[in-house]
Each structure stands twice: as C-alpha cells, then as structure tokens.
C-alpha cells in the first residue's frame, strides 16, 4: 500500500470556462473551495443577527469582530481601524479556509504558495501605496532607524530595505509552509495506520494504535494551527500597516 501525501494538494480542473490563446481557463477545486470559504463567511455574517442576547452564530461573529478590532488597536492604534475591512477579511478568509481544509477529502487553499503570495502582495502594495500617499518621502524614514551611528548607517539602511522587500516572501511562505507540512504529517501518520492494518492483519491494527494516537494529536494541533496562522498573518499585516501610518515610530 503506497502512501502519497502530496496527492491532496493537486489542483484539479472541474470544468472549462474558456480559452485564451492556447491556455485553458478552468474552474478548479481551488476555486471551488475559495467560493465555499466565502459562502461560509457570508452566511456567518448575514445569519448571525442583531439580537440583544446573542445566539451561537452571533456570538462567533461578534467575538471575531472584537478579536480583530482589538488586534488592530493594539498594534496600529485607532487610526489603523480604517483598515479593519481588509484585515478582518484576510483573517476570516484564511481562518475559515484552513478549518475547511482540515476536513478529510477537502482541499486546503493556503497550502498553495500562489494563494498566500497573492494575499501577501496585496498587503505589501497596500502598505507601500498608502504610506507614500499619506506621508510622502517621510515614509522612507522607516529605512533609517533612529540613533544609528553614521559609519554603519549605509549597512543598516541596506538591511532595512532588503527586509522590507522580503516581507511578502516571509509573509506568504510562513502560512504556506505551516499548512503544507501539517497536512503532509497528517497524511503520513494516517497512512501508517491503514498500511499496518492491511499488511499485518489483526497484529497490524494493534500496532497501528500509536500512529492513530499521533494522528489524533496532530489533528488537534492542526486545528490550533489553523487559527494561529490566520492570527499571525493578521497581526503581521497590522504591524506592516503601522509603518505606513506612523513611519517615524
């Protein structure tokens, strides 16, 4: 019995939408789960209601709202609340898609670098464009830390500029790598259980207790990681936006 932990990440076309030259434009499983994620978030927000005593859905929606709002205020200040729609959308999209991807036989959107890179580039260009529009040339003072001696200032500026332009890389790879590695580990340990059972019979099923226990533990960890990675992506977005809002700080 062969364990193939990579097969779960394959992007499969579901139907063809059209052609541009020699390229086929297809609606894929990735597109489908993006729509599923958006549908779940929309239902959560629309069906939550505005009751004085909140129900379950309304409580989840309000907790999500307050969690993201408090994160923005603590990292970017009250002025950062103008970016609440962007940060809330990013957090909910990543969090819900990660949780949907944990369900067996579903697809994890954030396990593909192209998706996480697109989200990271959206944040990067938002920071760059807003920072220059709001502060002009003063925005580039983020590359000149206060109190740095003049003789090492060029080196420090080079490091700051390099780190600024590498932000989309670290921002996207962190999310992509965590989701990819976690799902591969789950697939491998779950495959061990089936492989031992089919190859060794009753003895194999007894021996598969340990891999099964590890699979359950990893599954619980992946649920935590799904929330954690959405939070990390959101809080890094707040920190980067704070540079655009307060470039001198």
Protein backbone atom coordinates (compact mmCIF):
# COMPACT_ATOMS: atom_id res chain seq x y z
CA UNK A 1 0.00 0.00 0.00
CA UNK A 2 1.52 3.29 -1.12
CA UNK A 3 1.30 6.49 0.94
CA UNK A 4 1.04 9.59 -1.28
CA UNK A 5 0.92 12.68 0.97
CA UNK A 6 1.29 15.08 -1.99
CA UNK A 7 -1.80 13.98 -3.92
CA UNK A 8 -4.07 16.01 -1.60
CA UNK A 9 -2.51 19.26 -2.89
CA UNK A 10 -3.15 18.63 -6.59
CA UNK A 11 -5.17 21.32 -8.34
CA UNK A 12 -7.75 19.56 -10.49
CA UNK A 13 -9.88 21.28 -13.16
CA UNK A 14 -13.60 20.70 -12.63
CA UNK A 15 -14.87 22.27 -15.85
CA UNK A 16 -13.61 24.60 -18.56
CA UNK A 17 -14.67 28.24 -18.61
CA UNK A 18 -12.98 29.19 -21.87
CA UNK A 19 -9.70 29.62 -23.69
CA UNK A 20 -7.24 32.47 -24.11
CA UNK A 21 -4.93 31.55 -26.96
CA UNK A 22 -3.54 28.11 -26.19
CA UNK A 23 -4.33 28.41 -22.47
CA UNK A 24 -7.40 26.80 -20.96
CA UNK A 25 -9.26 28.75 -18.30
CA UNK A 26 -10.71 26.17 -15.91
CA UNK A 27 -12.76 26.24 -12.74
CA UNK A 28 -10.67 24.15 -10.32
CA UNK A 29 -11.08 22.54 -6.91
CA UNK A 30 -9.10 25.51 -5.52
CA UNK A 31 -11.65 27.92 -7.00
CA UNK A 32 -14.48 25.83 -5.59
CA UNK A 33 -13.12 25.91 -2.04
CA UNK A 34 -12.48 29.64 -2.28
CA UNK A 35 -16.18 30.08 -3.06
CA UNK A 36 -17.10 27.68 -0.25
CA UNK A 37 -14.98 29.74 2.17
CA UNK A 38 -16.59 33.00 1.07
CA UNK A 39 -20.06 31.41 1.32
CA UNK A 40 -19.41 30.21 4.89
CA UNK A 41 -18.14 33.64 5.97
CA UNK A 42 -21.10 35.38 4.29
CA UNK A 43 -23.60 33.05 5.96
CA UNK A 44 -21.92 33.59 9.32
CA UNK A 45 -22.09 37.37 8.98
CA UNK A 46 -25.61 37.54 7.48
CA UNK A 47 -27.25 34.86 9.62
CA UNK A 48 -25.74 35.99 12.92
CA UNK A 49 -28.48 38.58 13.51
CA UNK A 50 -28.51 41.56 15.86
CA UNK A 51 -30.19 40.12 18.94
CA UNK A 52 -29.69 41.75 22.33
CA UNK A 53 -28.90 38.30 23.72
CA UNK A 54 -26.67 36.79 21.02
CA UNK A 55 -27.08 33.24 19.81
CA UNK A 56 -24.24 30.94 18.78
CA UNK A 57 -23.67 32.39 15.32
CA UNK A 58 -23.95 35.97 16.52
CA UNK A 59 -21.51 35.24 19.35
CA UNK A 60 -18.97 33.83 16.90
CA UNK A 61 -19.38 36.85 14.61
CA UNK A 62 -19.06 39.34 17.50
CA UNK A 63 -16.05 37.55 19.01
CA UNK A 64 -14.35 37.54 15.59
CA UNK A 65 -15.09 41.25 15.15
CA UNK A 66 -13.80 42.22 18.59
CA UNK A 67 -10.74 39.99 18.30
CA UNK A 68 -9.61 41.57 15.03
CA UNK A 69 -10.51 45.10 16.21
CA UNK A 70 -8.50 44.74 19.45
CA UNK A 71 -5.56 43.35 17.46
CA UNK A 72 -5.58 46.38 15.18
CA UNK A 73 -5.86 48.88 18.04
CA UNK A 74 -3.02 47.27 20.00
CA UNK A 75 -0.61 47.22 17.04
CA UNK A 76 -1.58 50.09 14.72
CA UNK A 77 -3.58 52.37 17.02
CA UNK A 78 -7.07 53.74 16.49
CA UNK A 79 -6.05 55.16 13.10
CA UNK A 80 -5.43 51.62 11.92
CA UNK A 81 -9.16 50.89 12.21
CA UNK A 82 -9.64 52.37 8.75
CA UNK A 83 -8.04 49.13 7.51
CA UNK A 84 -10.41 46.95 9.54
CA UNK A 85 -12.34 45.64 6.50
CA UNK A 86 -9.10 44.48 4.86
CA UNK A 87 -7.62 42.83 7.94
CA UNK A 88 -10.92 41.26 9.02
CA UNK A 89 -11.44 39.84 5.52
CA UNK A 90 -7.91 38.41 5.44
CA UNK A 91 -8.24 36.88 8.91
CA UNK A 92 -11.64 35.30 8.26
CA UNK A 93 -10.71 34.05 4.79
CA UNK A 94 -7.51 32.37 5.99
CA UNK A 95 -9.03 31.02 9.20
CA UNK A 96 -12.16 29.54 7.59
CA UNK A 97 -10.29 28.12 4.59
CA UNK A 98 -7.76 26.49 6.93
CA UNK A 99 -10.53 24.92 9.01
CA UNK A 100 -12.38 23.70 5.93
CA UNK A 101 -9.14 22.19 4.65
CA UNK A 102 -8.76 20.08 7.79
CA UNK A 103 -11.93 18.13 6.93
CA UNK A 104 -10.89 14.85 5.26
CA UNK A 105 -11.08 14.77 1.45
CA UNK A 106 -11.37 18.55 1.16
CA UNK A 107 -8.83 20.99 -0.30
CA UNK A 108 -6.62 23.43 1.61
CA UNK A 109 -6.36 26.73 -0.26
CA UNK A 110 -3.47 28.11 1.80
CA UNK A 111 -1.31 25.05 1.06
CA UNK A 112 -0.51 26.66 -2.31
CA UNK A 113 2.14 29.36 -2.42
CA UNK A 114 0.43 31.26 -5.24
CA UNK A 115 -2.57 31.94 -2.98
CA UNK A 116 -0.58 33.03 0.07
CA UNK A 117 1.75 35.10 -2.13
CA UNK A 118 -1.23 36.93 -3.66
CA UNK A 119 -2.53 37.81 -0.18
CA UNK A 120 0.94 38.90 0.97
CA UNK A 121 1.46 41.08 -2.12
CA UNK A 122 -1.94 42.69 -1.52
CA UNK A 123 -0.76 43.70 1.96
CA UNK A 124 2.67 44.81 0.67
CA UNK A 125 1.33 47.14 -2.02
CA UNK A 126 -1.36 48.48 0.32
CA UNK A 127 1.36 49.45 2.81
CA UNK A 128 3.61 50.93 0.12
CA UNK A 129 0.92 52.93 -1.70
CA UNK A 130 -0.81 54.21 1.44
CA UNK A 131 2.49 55.01 3.13
CA UNK A 132 3.73 57.13 0.22
CA UNK A 133 0.31 58.76 -0.35
CA UNK A 134 -0.11 59.72 3.31
CA UNK A 135 3.45 60.63 4.27
CA UNK A 136 5.25 61.41 1.03
CA UNK A 137 9.01 60.99 1.21
CA UNK A 138 8.80 60.81 5.02
CA UNK A 139 7.57 57.24 4.59
CA UNK A 140 11.07 56.15 3.61
CA UNK A 141 12.33 57.17 7.04
CA UNK A 142 11.42 53.63 8.10
CA UNK A 143 14.69 52.62 6.43
CA UNK A 144 16.69 54.96 8.69
CA UNK A 145 16.42 53.84 12.33
CA UNK A 146 16.96 56.48 14.99
CA UNK A 147 20.24 56.56 16.89
CA UNK A 148 22.30 54.55 14.40
CA UNK A 149 25.94 55.77 14.13
CA UNK A 150 26.77 57.28 10.75
CA UNK A 151 29.57 54.87 9.94
CA UNK A 152 27.23 51.85 9.89
CA UNK A 153 24.14 53.68 8.63
CA UNK A 154 24.56 52.55 4.97
CA UNK A 155 24.73 48.91 6.07
CA UNK A 156 21.70 49.26 8.33
CA UNK A 157 19.74 51.01 5.57
CA UNK A 158 20.61 48.21 3.15
CA UNK A 159 19.39 45.60 5.65
CA UNK A 160 16.17 47.56 6.32
CA UNK A 161 15.42 47.98 2.61
CA UNK A 162 16.14 44.31 1.92
CA UNK A 163 13.95 43.17 4.82
CA UNK A 164 11.13 45.46 3.64
CA UNK A 165 11.08 43.96 0.15
CA UNK A 166 11.37 40.44 1.56
CA UNK A 167 8.26 40.92 3.68
CA UNK A 168 5.92 39.36 1.07
CA UNK A 169 8.20 36.31 0.93
CA UNK A 170 8.22 35.66 4.68
CA UNK A 171 4.55 36.67 4.99
CA UNK A 172 3.44 34.14 2.38
CA UNK A 173 5.89 31.30 2.98
CA UNK A 174 5.12 31.15 6.72
CA UNK A 175 1.45 30.40 6.09
CA UNK A 176 2.05 28.13 3.11
CA UNK A 177 4.80 26.06 4.79
CA UNK A 178 2.89 25.52 8.02
CA UNK A 179 -0.25 24.31 6.29
CA UNK A 180 1.68 22.16 3.81
CA UNK A 181 3.86 20.49 6.46
CA UNK A 182 0.96 19.85 8.83
CA UNK A 183 -1.20 18.19 6.19
CA UNK A 184 1.68 16.05 4.95
CA UNK A 185 2.35 14.84 8.52
CA UNK A 186 -1.35 14.02 8.99
CA UNK A 187 -1.46 12.06 5.73
CA UNK A 188 1.69 10.10 6.54
CA UNK A 189 0.63 9.04 10.05
CA UNK A 190 -2.91 8.22 8.89
CA UNK A 191 -1.40 6.17 6.07
CA UNK A 192 0.70 4.20 8.55
CA UNK A 193 -2.47 3.07 10.35
CA UNK A 194 -4.04 1.71 7.16
CA UNK A 195 -0.77 0.26 5.88
CA UNK A 196 -0.12 -1.69 9.08
CA UNK A 197 -3.69 -2.96 9.18
CA UNK A 198 -3.77 -4.17 5.57
CA UNK A 199 -0.27 -5.67 5.60
CA UNK A 200 -0.19 -7.36 9.05
CA UNK A 201 -3.84 -8.08 9.70
CA UNK A 202 -5.03 -8.09 13.34
CA UNK A 203 -1.49 -7.62 14.62
CA UNK A 204 -1.11 -4.61 12.37
CA UNK A 205 -4.29 -2.98 13.66
CA UNK A 206 -2.97 -3.38 17.20
CA UNK A 207 0.36 -1.89 16.13
CA UNK A 208 -1.48 0.97 14.47
CA UNK A 209 -2.75 2.29 17.80
CA UNK A 210 0.32 4.51 18.25
CA UNK A 211 0.16 6.08 14.73
CA UNK A 212 -3.60 6.56 15.26
CA UNK A 213 -2.99 8.36 18.57
CA UNK A 214 -0.37 10.55 16.89
CA UNK A 215 -2.80 11.29 14.06
CA UNK A 216 -5.48 12.41 16.52
CA UNK A 217 -2.94 14.59 18.36
CA UNK A 218 -1.72 16.10 15.07
CA UNK A 219 -5.32 16.73 14.02
CA UNK A 220 -5.95 18.68 17.22
CA UNK A 221 -2.71 20.58 16.66
CA UNK A 222 -3.73 21.42 13.08
CA UNK A 223 -6.98 22.95 14.33
CA UNK A 224 -4.92 25.20 16.60
CA UNK A 225 -2.50 25.99 13.76
CA UNK A 226 -5.43 26.94 11.50
CA UNK A 227 -6.44 29.69 13.96
CA UNK A 228 -2.86 30.60 14.81
CA UNK A 229 -1.70 31.09 11.23
CA UNK A 230 -4.67 33.33 10.46
CA UNK A 231 -3.85 35.38 13.57
CA UNK A 232 -0.14 35.61 12.68
CA UNK A 233 -0.97 36.75 9.15
CA UNK A 234 -3.38 39.37 10.50
CA UNK A 235 -1.08 40.73 13.20
CA UNK A 236 1.86 40.97 10.78
CA UNK A 237 -0.44 42.89 8.44
CA UNK A 238 -1.23 45.29 11.31
CA UNK A 239 2.47 45.75 12.10
CA UNK A 240 3.30 46.47 8.47
CA UNK A 241 0.40 48.92 8.18
CA UNK A 242 1.61 50.67 11.32
CA UNK A 243 4.80 51.55 9.41
CA UNK A 244 2.65 53.27 6.76
CA UNK A 245 0.54 55.08 9.36
CA UNK A 246 3.38 56.06 11.72
CA UNK A 247 6.63 55.86 9.69
CA UNK A 248 8.66 57.83 12.25
CA UNK A 249 7.86 55.48 15.17
